[in-house]
Amino acid sequence: MRIGRVVLTVVALVAATALGFALAMLMMDRSAPPSFEEPQAVSDVPVSEREFDDARTVDVALTFGEEVELVTPLSGKVTSLACGSGAAFVSGQSNLTVDGQLVVNLATATPLWRDLTWGMNGADVQGLRAELVRLGRSVDADGAVDQRLLNAFAQVFRDLGETKFPADGIPATRVLWLPTPEVTASECPVSVGGNATAGEPVASIAGRLTSATIAHLPEGAAAGSRLLRVDGTDIPLENDAVTSAEGLATLMGSASFAQAISASQSTLTGSYLLAQPLRVSVVPPGALYNLSGDQGCVLAQGTPRAVTVVGSELGQSFVVFPDEPPSSVVLSPQDPPSCD
């Protein structure tokens, strides 16, 4: 019995000692583990720089001239016709035969209005020469009708399959006049097996694109000269419109333009961006104060600095300083001074 009491006493003393030690440790260190301490607020944030083109997605309104009709020079039965909405009529090629006779498309400055023979001259002759030169035919750029011109004209037909076309004259009835080297049909009033009448339309084409204008200018766009980007190609703008012949040609050659035409749409989508990107400073929106329009302030190294806000993206504000930008700004400054 005495031995059991001794053992119990020893156990009780050990337990009491351990409990006392634990209580003492708790009393000595009441601080929270580092992971539970409140994070210290970040007061200064670094300022970075980047290029900014302020690209905005816009709708571009397309304006066309009057519709043009392509008229057949021959009367008779239409024996073949490559025409339909969206079909291309290309100079130097053929879309039409009448009574088995091939009719060649040619884009001349002056439509052929008469049959041409040796020695004749005039605006129609010079227009024919210029187009044959553009098509790569072996003719002189100037001069009256000669054998080289007759041979080159006949060779166009021979290359298209009419191998026995004679080189002794240029019949106007075998030429379908085009206003430009390539046009796209919007409507075809005749069909294979039908009757063609000389001077009547065989196809209608949409009028030429005369301008492309930004339909609605985006609000808050950064000031500066702008470009229109369509399918990765940049086109210069003048008064927020494409009006130059080169720019319109570039636009008409784009996939977006072709898609708009095939869908009978008068608009397409592009990107409206600065011709010369700005070098901007990137700051958090919380660093800005005293905002009025695009003007505001930031606090940098204790000094208020004026900025112009030119854009924002994904929680970042893009600003321009009137002079050298600071290395950092204060986030959410308390009662900061004005930068006026």
C-alpha atoms as a PDB file:
ATOM      1  CA  MET A   1       0.000   0.000   0.000  1.00  0.00           C
ATOM      2  CA  ARG A   2       2.742   2.400   0.946  1.00  0.00           C
ATOM      3  CA  ILE A   3       4.530   1.788  -2.362  1.00  0.00           C
ATOM      4  CA  GLY A   4       1.305   2.560  -4.317  1.00  0.00           C
ATOM      5  CA  ARG A   5       0.796   5.789  -2.431  1.00  0.00           C
ATOM      6  CA  VAL A   6       4.359   6.855  -3.191  1.00  0.00           C
ATOM      7  CA  VAL A   7       3.883   6.174  -6.913  1.00  0.00           C
ATOM      8  CA  LEU A   8       0.665   8.156  -6.989  1.00  0.00           C
ATOM      9  CA  THR A   9       2.322  11.047  -5.219  1.00  0.00           C
ATOM     10  CA  VAL A  10       5.209  11.116  -7.703  1.00  0.00           C
ATOM     11  CA  VAL A  11       2.808  11.050 -10.684  1.00  0.00           C
ATOM     12  CA  ALA A  12       0.784  13.906  -9.237  1.00  0.00           C
ATOM     13  CA  LEU A  13       3.893  16.001  -8.680  1.00  0.00           C
ATOM     14  CA  VAL A  14       5.083  15.429 -12.272  1.00  0.00           C
ATOM     15  CA  ALA A  15       1.689  16.365 -13.718  1.00  0.00           C
ATOM     16  CA  ALA A  16       1.498  19.498 -11.596  1.00  0.00           C
ATOM     17  CA  THR A  17       4.985  20.537 -12.674  1.00  0.00           C
ATOM     18  CA  ALA A  18       4.157  20.083 -16.382  1.00  0.00           C
ATOM     19  CA  LEU A  19       0.926  22.051 -16.048  1.00  0.00           C
ATOM     20  CA  GLY A  20       2.705  24.854 -14.280  1.00  0.00           C
ATOM     21  CA  PHE A  21       5.364  25.017 -16.957  1.00  0.00           C
ATOM     22  CA  ALA A  22       2.754  25.215 -19.718  1.00  0.00           C
ATOM     23  CA  LEU A  23       0.872  28.002 -17.932  1.00  0.00           C
ATOM     24  CA  ALA A  24       4.082  29.918 -17.450  1.00  0.00           C
ATOM     25  CA  MET A  25       4.942  29.711 -21.153  1.00  0.00           C
ATOM     26  CA  LEU A  26       1.491  30.972 -22.098  1.00  0.00           C
ATOM     27  CA  MET A  27       1.829  33.893 -19.733  1.00  0.00           C
ATOM     28  CA  MET A  28       5.267  34.788 -21.063  1.00  0.00           C
ATOM     29  CA  ASP A  29       4.413  34.793 -24.869  1.00  0.00           C
ATOM     30  CA  ARG A  30       0.992  36.094 -25.866  1.00  0.00           C
ATOM     31  CA  SER A  31       2.132  37.312 -29.321  1.00  0.00           C
ATOM     32  CA  ALA A  32       0.432  35.822 -32.393  1.00  0.00           C
ATOM     33  CA  PRO A  33       2.363  33.651 -34.844  1.00  0.00           C
ATOM     34  CA  PRO A  34       3.879  35.591 -37.759  1.00  0.00           C
ATOM     35  CA  SER A  35       1.340  34.083 -40.161  1.00  0.00           C
ATOM     36  CA  PHE A  36      -1.513  35.660 -38.149  1.00  0.00           C
ATOM     37  CA  GLU A  37      -0.023  39.150 -37.867  1.00  0.00           C
ATOM     38  CA  GLU A  38      -1.712  41.906 -39.850  1.00  0.00           C
ATOM     39  CA  PRO A  39       0.218  42.741 -43.058  1.00  0.00           C
ATOM     40  CA  GLN A  40       1.846  46.121 -43.122  1.00  0.00           C
ATOM     41  CA  ALA A  41       0.285  48.458 -45.679  1.00  0.00           C
ATOM     42  CA  VAL A  42       2.337  49.193 -48.788  1.00  0.00           C
ATOM     43  CA  SER A  43       2.606  52.953 -49.135  1.00  0.00           C
ATOM     44  CA  ASP A  44       4.831  53.323 -52.233  1.00  0.00           C
ATOM     45  CA  VAL A  45       4.414  51.406 -55.482  1.00  0.00           C
ATOM     46  CA  PRO A  46       6.888  51.415 -58.376  1.00  0.00           C
ATOM     47  CA  VAL A  47       6.072  53.217 -61.630  1.00  0.00           C
ATOM     48  CA  SER A  48       6.682  51.312 -64.868  1.00  0.00           C
ATOM     49  CA  GLU A  49       6.591  52.537 -68.480  1.00  0.00           C
ATOM     50  CA  ARG A  50       5.181  51.084 -71.711  1.00  0.00           C
ATOM     51  CA  GLU A  51       4.074  51.938 -75.256  1.00  0.00           C
ATOM     52  CA  PHE A  52       0.369  52.749 -75.568  1.00  0.00           C
ATOM     53  CA  ASP A  53      -1.462  52.928 -78.922  1.00  0.00           C
ATOM     54  CA  ASP A  54      -4.959  53.349 -77.415  1.00  0.00           C
ATOM     55  CA  ALA A  55      -6.435  50.807 -79.855  1.00  0.00           C
ATOM     56  CA  ARG A  56     -10.247  50.921 -79.904  1.00  0.00           C
ATOM     57  CA  THR A  57     -12.602  48.559 -81.751  1.00  0.00           C
ATOM     58  CA  VAL A  58     -14.830  50.573 -84.094  1.00  0.00           C
ATOM     59  CA  ASP A  59     -17.419  50.118 -86.823  1.00  0.00           C
ATOM     60  CA  VAL A  60     -16.427  51.506 -90.213  1.00  0.00           C
ATOM     61  CA  ALA A  61     -19.254  52.820 -92.424  1.00  0.00           C
ATOM     62  CA  LEU A  62     -18.713  52.133 -96.137  1.00  0.00           C
ATOM     63  CA  THR A  63     -19.939  54.580 -98.783  1.00  0.00           C
ATOM     64  CA  PHE A  64     -20.278  53.501-102.406  1.00  0.00           C
ATOM     65  CA  GLY A  65     -20.871  55.285-105.685  1.00  0.00           C
ATOM     66  CA  GLU A  66     -23.741  54.476-108.009  1.00  0.00           C
ATOM     67  CA  GLU A  67     -24.268  50.927-109.261  1.00  0.00           C
ATOM     68  CA  VAL A  68     -22.688  50.176-112.642  1.00  0.00           C
ATOM     69  CA  GLU A  69     -24.098  47.864-115.320  1.00  0.00           C
ATOM     70  CA  LEU A  70     -21.939  45.727-117.608  1.00  0.00           C
ATOM     71  CA  VAL A  71     -23.621  45.583-121.006  1.00  0.00           C
ATOM     72  CA  THR A  72     -23.237  42.866-123.618  1.00  0.00           C
ATOM     73  CA  PRO A  73     -21.888  44.018-126.997  1.00  0.00           C
ATOM     74  CA  LEU A  74     -23.587  41.145-128.837  1.00  0.00           C
ATOM     75  CA  SER A  75     -27.130  39.977-129.448  1.00  0.00           C
ATOM     76  CA  GLY A  76     -27.938  36.287-129.487  1.00  0.00           C
ATOM     77  CA  LYS A  77     -28.215  33.169-127.370  1.00  0.00           C
ATOM     78  CA  VAL A  78     -26.140  33.147-124.183  1.00  0.00           C
ATOM     79  CA  THR A  79     -24.087  29.964-124.543  1.00  0.00           C
ATOM     80  CA  SER A  80     -21.960  30.379-121.399  1.00  0.00           C
ATOM     81  CA  LEU A  81     -21.957  32.823-118.518  1.00  0.00           C
ATOM     82  CA  ALA A  82     -19.856  32.861-115.362  1.00  0.00           C
ATOM     83  CA  CYS A  83     -21.938  35.205-113.268  1.00  0.00           C
ATOM     84  CA  GLY A  84     -23.637  35.303-109.890  1.00  0.00           C
ATOM     85  CA  SER A  85     -23.641  37.410-106.747  1.00  0.00           C
ATOM     86  CA  GLY A  86     -19.993  37.837-105.792  1.00  0.00           C
ATOM     87  CA  ALA A  87     -18.619  36.610-109.154  1.00  0.00           C
ATOM     88  CA  ALA A  88     -15.473  38.364-110.369  1.00  0.00           C
ATOM     89  CA  PHE A  89     -15.146  39.942-113.808  1.00  0.00           C
ATOM     90  CA  VAL A  90     -11.402  40.346-114.488  1.00  0.00           C
ATOM     91  CA  SER A  91      -9.843  42.276-117.341  1.00  0.00           C
ATOM     92  CA  GLY A  92      -8.150  39.970-119.855  1.00  0.00           C
ATOM     93  CA  GLN A  93     -10.479  37.073-118.959  1.00  0.00           C
ATOM     94  CA  SER A  94     -13.911  36.058-120.257  1.00  0.00           C
ATOM     95  CA  ASN A  95     -17.210  35.454-118.462  1.00  0.00           C
ATOM     96  CA  LEU A  96     -19.518  35.432-121.476  1.00  0.00           C
ATOM     97  CA  THR A  97     -20.062  33.762-124.833  1.00  0.00           C
ATOM     98  CA  VAL A  98     -22.943  34.642-127.157  1.00  0.00           C
ATOM     99  CA  ASP A  99     -23.859  32.334-130.033  1.00  0.00           C
ATOM    100  CA  GLY A 100     -20.606  30.540-129.289  1.00  0.00           C
ATOM    101  CA  GLN A 101     -18.520  33.701-129.707  1.00  0.00           C
ATOM    102  CA  LEU A 102     -16.129  34.548-126.880  1.00  0.00           C
ATOM    103  CA  VAL A 103     -16.478  38.038-125.361  1.00  0.00           C
ATOM    104  CA  VAL A 104     -13.345  39.315-123.582  1.00  0.00           C
ATOM    105  CA  ASN A 105     -13.410  41.626-120.539  1.00  0.00           C
ATOM    106  CA  LEU A 106     -11.198  44.700-120.946  1.00  0.00           C
ATOM    107  CA  ALA A 107     -10.830  47.657-118.588  1.00  0.00           C
ATOM    108  CA  THR A 108      -9.966  50.526-120.915  1.00  0.00           C
ATOM    109  CA  ALA A 109      -9.998  54.202-120.033  1.00  0.00           C
ATOM    110  CA  THR A 110     -12.369  54.768-122.959  1.00  0.00           C
ATOM    111  CA  PRO A 111     -14.835  52.012-123.893  1.00  0.00           C
ATOM    112  CA  LEU A 112     -14.333  50.611-127.402  1.00  0.00           C
ATOM    113  CA  TRP A 113     -17.168  52.209-129.344  1.00  0.00           C
ATOM    114  CA  ARG A 114     -16.099  51.243-132.881  1.00  0.00           C
ATOM    115  CA  ASP A 115     -14.278  48.494-134.732  1.00  0.00           C
ATOM    116  CA  LEU A 116     -10.574  49.297-135.080  1.00  0.00           C
ATOM    117  CA  THR A 117      -8.460  48.637-138.150  1.00  0.00           C
ATOM    118  CA  TRP A 118      -4.918  49.393-139.318  1.00  0.00           C
ATOM    119  CA  GLY A 119      -3.896  53.068-139.028  1.00  0.00           C
ATOM    120  CA  MET A 120      -6.794  54.248-136.859  1.00  0.00           C
ATOM    121  CA  ASN A 121      -5.997  56.329-133.769  1.00  0.00           C
ATOM    122  CA  GLY A 122      -7.810  58.060-130.924  1.00  0.00           C
ATOM    123  CA  ALA A 123      -8.578  57.814-127.206  1.00  0.00           C
ATOM    124  CA  ASP A 124     -10.046  54.320-127.625  1.00  0.00           C
ATOM    125  CA  VAL A 125      -6.874  53.091-129.337  1.00  0.00           C
ATOM    126  CA  GLN A 126      -4.630  54.580-126.652  1.00  0.00           C
ATOM    127  CA  GLY A 127      -6.831  53.121-123.906  1.00  0.00           C
ATOM    128  CA  LEU A 128      -6.610  49.670-125.498  1.00  0.00           C
ATOM    129  CA  ARG A 129      -2.827  49.950-125.788  1.00  0.00           C
ATOM    130  CA  ALA A 130      -2.499  50.972-122.125  1.00  0.00           C
ATOM    131  CA  GLU A 131      -4.583  48.028-120.923  1.00  0.00           C
ATOM    132  CA  LEU A 132      -2.747  45.491-123.071  1.00  0.00           C
ATOM    133  CA  VAL A 133       0.548  46.827-121.709  1.00  0.00           C
ATOM    134  CA  ARG A 134      -0.803  46.457-118.151  1.00  0.00           C
ATOM    135  CA  LEU A 135      -1.769  42.868-118.989  1.00  0.00           C
ATOM    136  CA  GLY A 136       1.817  42.168-120.072  1.00  0.00           C
ATOM    137  CA  ARG A 137       1.194  41.989-123.798  1.00  0.00           C
ATOM    138  CA  SER A 138       3.938  42.905-126.257  1.00  0.00           C
ATOM    139  CA  VAL A 139       2.697  46.241-127.611  1.00  0.00           C
ATOM    140  CA  ASP A 140       3.911  49.828-127.680  1.00  0.00           C
ATOM    141  CA  ALA A 141       2.349  52.220-125.176  1.00  0.00           C
ATOM    142  CA  ASP A 142       1.531  54.804-127.861  1.00  0.00           C
ATOM    143  CA  GLY A 143       0.670  54.968-131.527  1.00  0.00           C
ATOM    144  CA  ALA A 144      -1.991  54.158-134.092  1.00  0.00           C
ATOM    145  CA  VAL A 145      -3.307  50.649-134.746  1.00  0.00           C
ATOM    146  CA  ASP A 146      -0.464  48.527-136.170  1.00  0.00           C
ATOM    147  CA  GLN A 147       0.205  44.852-136.656  1.00  0.00           C
ATOM    148  CA  ARG A 148       1.741  44.410-133.196  1.00  0.00           C
ATOM    149  CA  LEU A 149      -1.461  45.741-131.630  1.00  0.00           C
ATOM    150  CA  LEU A 150      -3.616  43.500-133.819  1.00  0.00           C
ATOM    151  CA  ASN A 151      -1.452  40.484-132.941  1.00  0.00           C
ATOM    152  CA  ALA A 152      -1.588  41.216-129.203  1.00  0.00           C
ATOM    153  CA  PHE A 153      -5.372  41.609-129.264  1.00  0.00           C
ATOM    154  CA  ALA A 154      -5.809  38.344-131.203  1.00  0.00           C
ATOM    155  CA  GLN A 155      -3.473  36.540-128.787  1.00  0.00           C
ATOM    156  CA  VAL A 156      -5.785  37.364-125.868  1.00  0.00           C
ATOM    157  CA  PHE A 157      -8.550  35.368-127.561  1.00  0.00           C
ATOM    158  CA  ARG A 158      -6.225  32.559-128.574  1.00  0.00           C
ATOM    159  CA  ASP A 159      -4.971  32.184-124.995  1.00  0.00           C
ATOM    160  CA  LEU A 160      -8.595  31.849-123.858  1.00  0.00           C
ATOM    161  CA  GLY A 161      -9.299  29.027-126.308  1.00  0.00           C
ATOM    162  CA  GLU A 162     -10.346  30.697-129.557  1.00  0.00           C
ATOM    163  CA  THR A 163      -7.201  29.530-131.320  1.00  0.00           C
ATOM    164  CA  LYS A 164      -8.123  30.769-134.819  1.00  0.00           C
ATOM    165  CA  PHE A 165      -9.059  34.355-133.897  1.00  0.00           C
ATOM    166  CA  PRO A 166      -7.781  36.485-136.822  1.00  0.00           C
ATOM    167  CA  ALA A 167      -5.253  39.276-136.323  1.00  0.00           C
ATOM    168  CA  ASP A 168      -6.748  41.557-138.978  1.00  0.00           C
ATOM    169  CA  GLY A 169      -9.006  43.832-136.901  1.00  0.00           C
ATOM    170  CA  ILE A 170     -10.382  44.662-133.455  1.00  0.00           C
ATOM    171  CA  PRO A 171     -14.182  44.190-133.362  1.00  0.00           C
ATOM    172  CA  ALA A 172     -15.814  46.194-130.565  1.00  0.00           C
ATOM    173  CA  THR A 173     -18.584  43.589-130.401  1.00  0.00           C
ATOM    174  CA  ARG A 174     -16.159  41.097-128.881  1.00  0.00           C
ATOM    175  CA  VAL A 175     -15.226  43.271-125.883  1.00  0.00           C
ATOM    176  CA  LEU A 176     -17.119  43.595-122.572  1.00  0.00           C
ATOM    177  CA  TRP A 177     -16.047  46.897-121.052  1.00  0.00           C
ATOM    178  CA  LEU A 178     -15.085  47.018-117.348  1.00  0.00           C
ATOM    179  CA  PRO A 179     -14.705  50.276-115.381  1.00  0.00           C
ATOM    180  CA  THR A 180     -11.754  48.833-113.389  1.00  0.00           C
ATOM    181  CA  PRO A 181      -9.429  45.823-113.865  1.00  0.00           C
ATOM    182  CA  GLU A 182     -11.573  43.706-111.548  1.00  0.00           C
ATOM    183  CA  VAL A 183     -15.185  44.106-110.466  1.00  0.00           C
ATOM    184  CA  THR A 184     -17.595  41.971-108.456  1.00  0.00           C
ATOM    185  CA  ALA A 185     -21.090  41.208-109.687  1.00  0.00           C
ATOM    186  CA  SER A 186     -24.031  41.858-107.384  1.00  0.00           C
ATOM    187  CA  GLU A 187     -26.744  40.717-109.810  1.00  0.00           C
ATOM    188  CA  CYS A 188     -26.974  38.896-113.158  1.00  0.00           C
ATOM    189  CA  PRO A 189     -30.189  39.604-115.139  1.00  0.00           C
ATOM    190  CA  VAL A 190     -29.472  37.024-117.853  1.00  0.00           C
ATOM    191  CA  SER A 191     -28.632  33.320-117.708  1.00  0.00           C
ATOM    192  CA  VAL A 192     -27.289  30.575-119.942  1.00  0.00           C
ATOM    193  CA  GLY A 193     -29.860  29.702-122.596  1.00  0.00           C
ATOM    194  CA  GLY A 194     -31.463  33.106-122.443  1.00  0.00           C
ATOM    195  CA  ASN A 195     -31.303  35.806-125.072  1.00  0.00           C
ATOM    196  CA  ALA A 196     -28.811  38.643-124.874  1.00  0.00           C
ATOM    197  CA  THR A 197     -29.498  41.977-126.518  1.00  0.00           C
ATOM    198  CA  ALA A 198     -26.630  44.288-127.415  1.00  0.00           C
ATOM    199  CA  GLY A 199     -26.549  47.265-125.085  1.00  0.00           C
ATOM    200  CA  GLU A 200     -28.527  45.490-122.344  1.00  0.00           C
ATOM    201  CA  PRO A 201     -26.977  44.572-118.988  1.00  0.00           C
ATOM    202  CA  VAL A 202     -25.439  41.185-118.491  1.00  0.00           C
ATOM    203  CA  ALA A 203     -24.367  41.964-114.900  1.00  0.00           C
ATOM    204  CA  SER A 204     -24.699  44.683-112.292  1.00  0.00           C
ATOM    205  CA  ILE A 205     -21.841  45.622-110.013  1.00  0.00           C
ATOM    206  CA  ALA A 206     -21.910  47.619-106.828  1.00  0.00           C
ATOM    207  CA  GLY A 207     -20.601  51.145-107.108  1.00  0.00           C
ATOM    208  CA  ARG A 208     -16.963  51.767-106.236  1.00  0.00           C
ATOM    209  CA  LEU A 209     -16.064  52.395-102.612  1.00  0.00           C
ATOM    210  CA  THR A 210     -15.720  56.172-102.264  1.00  0.00           C
ATOM    211  CA  SER A 211     -15.044  56.506 -98.515  1.00  0.00           C
ATOM    212  CA  ALA A 212     -14.879  54.589 -95.261  1.00  0.00           C
ATOM    213  CA  THR A 213     -15.677  56.562 -92.110  1.00  0.00           C
ATOM    214  CA  ILE A 214     -15.462  55.708 -88.420  1.00  0.00           C
ATOM    215  CA  ALA A 215     -19.155  55.329 -87.597  1.00  0.00           C
ATOM    216  CA  HIS A 216     -18.991  56.365 -83.922  1.00  0.00           C
ATOM    217  CA  LEU A 217     -15.853  57.894 -82.455  1.00  0.00           C
ATOM    218  CA  PRO A 218     -14.965  56.263 -79.109  1.00  0.00           C
ATOM    219  CA  GLU A 219     -15.230  58.490 -76.051  1.00  0.00           C
ATOM    220  CA  GLY A 220     -12.093  59.422 -74.161  1.00  0.00           C
ATOM    221  CA  ALA A 221      -9.719  58.527 -76.983  1.00  0.00           C
ATOM    222  CA  ALA A 222      -6.190  59.921 -76.572  1.00  0.00           C
ATOM    223  CA  ALA A 223      -5.436  62.891 -78.809  1.00  0.00           C
ATOM    224  CA  GLY A 224      -3.210  62.349 -81.850  1.00  0.00           C
ATOM    225  CA  SER A 225      -3.185  61.218 -85.475  1.00  0.00           C
ATOM    226  CA  ARG A 226      -4.954  57.894 -85.980  1.00  0.00           C
ATOM    227  CA  LEU A 227      -4.787  54.807 -88.182  1.00  0.00           C
ATOM    228  CA  LEU A 228      -7.406  52.233 -89.095  1.00  0.00           C
ATOM    229  CA  ARG A 229      -6.188  48.646 -88.743  1.00  0.00           C
ATOM    230  CA  VAL A 230      -8.137  46.016 -90.693  1.00  0.00           C
ATOM    231  CA  ASP A 231      -6.994  42.386 -90.803  1.00  0.00           C
ATOM    232  CA  GLY A 232      -3.567  43.403 -89.516  1.00  0.00           C
ATOM    233  CA  THR A 233      -2.994  46.124 -92.147  1.00  0.00           C
ATOM    234  CA  ASP A 234      -2.763  49.800 -91.159  1.00  0.00           C
ATOM    235  CA  ILE A 235      -4.556  52.389 -93.319  1.00  0.00           C
ATOM    236  CA  PRO A 236      -4.027  56.154 -92.832  1.00  0.00           C
ATOM    237  CA  LEU A 237      -7.028  58.241 -91.790  1.00  0.00           C
ATOM    238  CA  GLU A 238      -7.852  61.812 -92.709  1.00  0.00           C
ATOM    239  CA  ASN A 239     -10.497  63.433 -90.507  1.00  0.00           C
ATOM    240  CA  ASP A 240     -11.318  59.943 -89.201  1.00  0.00           C
ATOM    241  CA  ALA A 241     -12.058  58.604 -92.690  1.00  0.00           C
ATOM    242  CA  VAL A 242     -10.295  56.661 -95.440  1.00  0.00           C
ATOM    243  CA  THR A 243     -10.526  58.738 -98.604  1.00  0.00           C
ATOM    244  CA  SER A 244      -7.251  58.283-100.522  1.00  0.00           C
ATOM    245  CA  ALA A 245      -7.261  55.999-103.560  1.00  0.00           C
ATOM    246  CA  GLU A 246      -4.426  53.938-102.078  1.00  0.00           C
ATOM    247  CA  GLY A 247      -6.174  53.557 -98.724  1.00  0.00           C
ATOM    248  CA  LEU A 248      -9.489  52.599-100.336  1.00  0.00           C
ATOM    249  CA  ALA A 249      -7.720  50.047-102.545  1.00  0.00           C
ATOM    250  CA  THR A 250      -6.041  48.526 -99.493  1.00  0.00           C
ATOM    251  CA  LEU A 251      -9.369  48.323 -97.676  1.00  0.00           C
ATOM    252  CA  MET A 252     -11.117  46.755-100.694  1.00  0.00           C
ATOM    253  CA  GLY A 253      -8.402  44.110-100.799  1.00  0.00           C
ATOM    254  CA  SER A 254      -9.056  42.972 -97.219  1.00  0.00           C
ATOM    255  CA  ALA A 255     -10.892  39.804 -96.205  1.00  0.00           C
ATOM    256  CA  SER A 256     -13.181  41.849 -93.944  1.00  0.00           C
ATOM    257  CA  PHE A 257     -14.307  43.982 -96.898  1.00  0.00           C
ATOM    258  CA  ALA A 258     -14.998  40.899 -99.023  1.00  0.00           C
ATOM    259  CA  GLN A 259     -17.028  39.372 -96.187  1.00  0.00           C
ATOM    260  CA  ALA A 260     -19.044  42.580 -95.760  1.00  0.00           C
ATOM    261  CA  ILE A 261     -19.822  42.728 -99.480  1.00  0.00           C
ATOM    262  CA  SER A 262     -20.816  39.070 -99.702  1.00  0.00           C
ATOM    263  CA  ALA A 263     -23.153  39.582 -96.730  1.00  0.00           C
ATOM    264  CA  SER A 264     -24.584  42.812 -98.236  1.00  0.00           C
ATOM    265  CA  GLN A 265     -23.370  44.785 -95.213  1.00  0.00           C
ATOM    266  CA  SER A 266     -22.440  48.456 -95.300  1.00  0.00           C
ATOM    267  CA  THR A 267     -20.095  48.309 -92.294  1.00  0.00           C
ATOM    268  CA  LEU A 268     -17.045  46.356 -91.196  1.00  0.00           C
ATOM    269  CA  THR A 269     -15.081  46.180 -87.943  1.00  0.00           C
ATOM    270  CA  GLY A 270     -11.589  47.576 -87.464  1.00  0.00           C
ATOM    271  CA  SER A 271      -9.226  48.954 -84.853  1.00  0.00           C
ATOM    272  CA  TYR A 272      -8.807  52.721 -84.319  1.00  0.00           C
ATOM    273  CA  LEU A 273      -5.316  53.407 -82.956  1.00  0.00           C
ATOM    274  CA  LEU A 274      -2.699  56.093 -82.578  1.00  0.00           C
ATOM    275  CA  ALA A 275      -0.329  56.470 -85.519  1.00  0.00           C
ATOM    276  CA  GLN A 276       2.486  57.212 -83.051  1.00  0.00           C
ATOM    277  CA  PRO A 277       2.114  55.279 -79.764  1.00  0.00           C
ATOM    278  CA  LEU A 278       2.563  57.251 -76.559  1.00  0.00           C
ATOM    279  CA  ARG A 279       5.193  56.481 -73.943  1.00  0.00           C
ATOM    280  CA  VAL A 280       3.084  56.244 -70.768  1.00  0.00           C
ATOM    281  CA  SER A 281       3.665  55.591 -67.075  1.00  0.00           C
ATOM    282  CA  VAL A 282       1.686  52.816 -65.408  1.00  0.00           C
ATOM    283  CA  VAL A 283       0.262  53.528 -61.925  1.00  0.00           C
ATOM    284  CA  PRO A 284      -2.490  51.933 -59.825  1.00  0.00           C
ATOM    285  CA  PRO A 285      -5.840  53.791 -59.948  1.00  0.00           C
ATOM    286  CA  GLY A 286      -5.627  54.238 -56.152  1.00  0.00           C
ATOM    287  CA  ALA A 287      -2.594  56.477 -56.559  1.00  0.00           C
ATOM    288  CA  LEU A 288      -4.629  59.104 -58.436  1.00  0.00           C
ATOM    289  CA  TYR A 289      -6.457  61.925 -56.664  1.00  0.00           C
ATOM    290  CA  ASN A 290      -8.102  65.275 -57.485  1.00  0.00           C
ATOM    291  CA  LEU A 291      -9.310  63.830 -60.785  1.00  0.00           C
ATOM    292  CA  SER A 292     -11.083  66.214 -63.153  1.00  0.00           C
ATOM    293  CA  GLY A 293     -11.682  64.881 -66.651  1.00  0.00           C
ATOM    294  CA  ASP A 294      -8.371  63.465 -67.821  1.00  0.00           C
ATOM    295  CA  GLN A 295      -6.335  65.594 -65.377  1.00  0.00           C
ATOM    296  CA  GLY A 296      -5.255  64.423 -61.943  1.00  0.00           C
ATOM    297  CA  CYS A 297      -2.487  64.214 -59.353  1.00  0.00           C
ATOM    298  CA  VAL A 298      -0.176  61.634 -57.804  1.00  0.00           C
ATOM    299  CA  LEU A 299       2.105  61.952 -54.777  1.00  0.00           C
ATOM    300  CA  ALA A 300       5.721  60.980 -55.418  1.00  0.00           C
ATOM    301  CA  GLN A 301       8.485  61.223 -52.812  1.00  0.00           C
ATOM    302  CA  GLY A 302       6.358  63.696 -50.904  1.00  0.00           C
ATOM    303  CA  THR A 303       5.802  65.951 -53.923  1.00  0.00           C
ATOM    304  CA  PRO A 304       2.444  66.307 -55.715  1.00  0.00           C
ATOM    305  CA  ARG A 305       2.803  65.692 -59.471  1.00  0.00           C
ATOM    306  CA  ALA A 306       0.290  66.573 -62.194  1.00  0.00           C
ATOM    307  CA  VAL A 307      -0.600  63.864 -64.714  1.00  0.00           C
ATOM    308  CA  THR A 308      -2.816  63.402 -67.779  1.00  0.00           C
ATOM    309  CA  VAL A 309      -4.756  60.131 -67.768  1.00  0.00           C
ATOM    310  CA  VAL A 310      -4.808  58.627 -71.274  1.00  0.00           C
ATOM    311  CA  GLY A 311      -6.271  55.174 -70.617  1.00  0.00           C
ATOM    312  CA  SER A 312      -6.638  52.185 -68.342  1.00  0.00           C
ATOM    313  CA  GLU A 313      -6.528  48.418 -68.561  1.00  0.00           C
ATOM    314  CA  LEU A 314      -6.892  45.532 -66.097  1.00  0.00           C
ATOM    315  CA  GLY A 315      -6.586  47.611 -62.930  1.00  0.00           C
ATOM    316  CA  GLN A 316      -3.818  49.845 -64.301  1.00  0.00           C
ATOM    317  CA  SER A 317      -3.993  53.517 -65.181  1.00  0.00           C
ATOM    318  CA  PHE A 318      -1.872  54.932 -67.996  1.00  0.00           C
ATOM    319  CA  VAL A 319      -0.701  58.484 -67.360  1.00  0.00           C
ATOM    320  CA  VAL A 320       1.631  61.008 -68.934  1.00  0.00           C
ATOM    321  CA  PHE A 321       3.801  63.291 -66.793  1.00  0.00           C
ATOM    322  CA  PRO A 322       4.729  66.719 -68.165  1.00  0.00           C
ATOM    323  CA  ASP A 323       8.374  65.942 -67.358  1.00  0.00           C
ATOM    324  CA  GLU A 324      10.477  63.007 -66.132  1.00  0.00           C
ATOM    325  CA  PRO A 325       8.242  60.416 -64.412  1.00  0.00           C
ATOM    326  CA  PRO A 326       9.041  59.423 -60.809  1.00  0.00           C
ATOM    327  CA  SER A 327      10.286  55.968 -59.812  1.00  0.00           C
ATOM    328  CA  SER A 328       7.344  55.407 -57.437  1.00  0.00           C
ATOM    329  CA  VAL A 329       4.067  56.944 -56.245  1.00  0.00           C
ATOM    330  CA  VAL A 330       2.103  56.779 -53.011  1.00  0.00           C
ATOM    331  CA  LEU A 331      -0.863  54.426 -52.964  1.00  0.00           C
ATOM    332  CA  SER A 332      -4.032  55.964 -51.453  1.00  0.00           C
ATOM    333  CA  PRO A 333      -2.341  59.089 -50.072  1.00  0.00           C
ATOM    334  CA  GLN A 334      -3.994  60.621 -47.006  1.00  0.00           C
ATOM    335  CA  ASP A 335      -4.922  64.337 -47.289  1.00  0.00           C
ATOM    336  CA  PRO A 336      -2.387  64.952 -50.098  1.00  0.00           C
ATOM    337  CA  PRO A 337      -1.590  68.493 -51.287  1.00  0.00           C
ATOM    338  CA  SER A 338      -2.951  69.780 -54.571  1.00  0.00           C
ATOM    339  CA  CYS A 339      -0.748  69.621 -57.670  1.00  0.00           C
ATOM    340  CA  ASP A 340      -2.220  72.735 -59.265  1.00  0.00           C
END
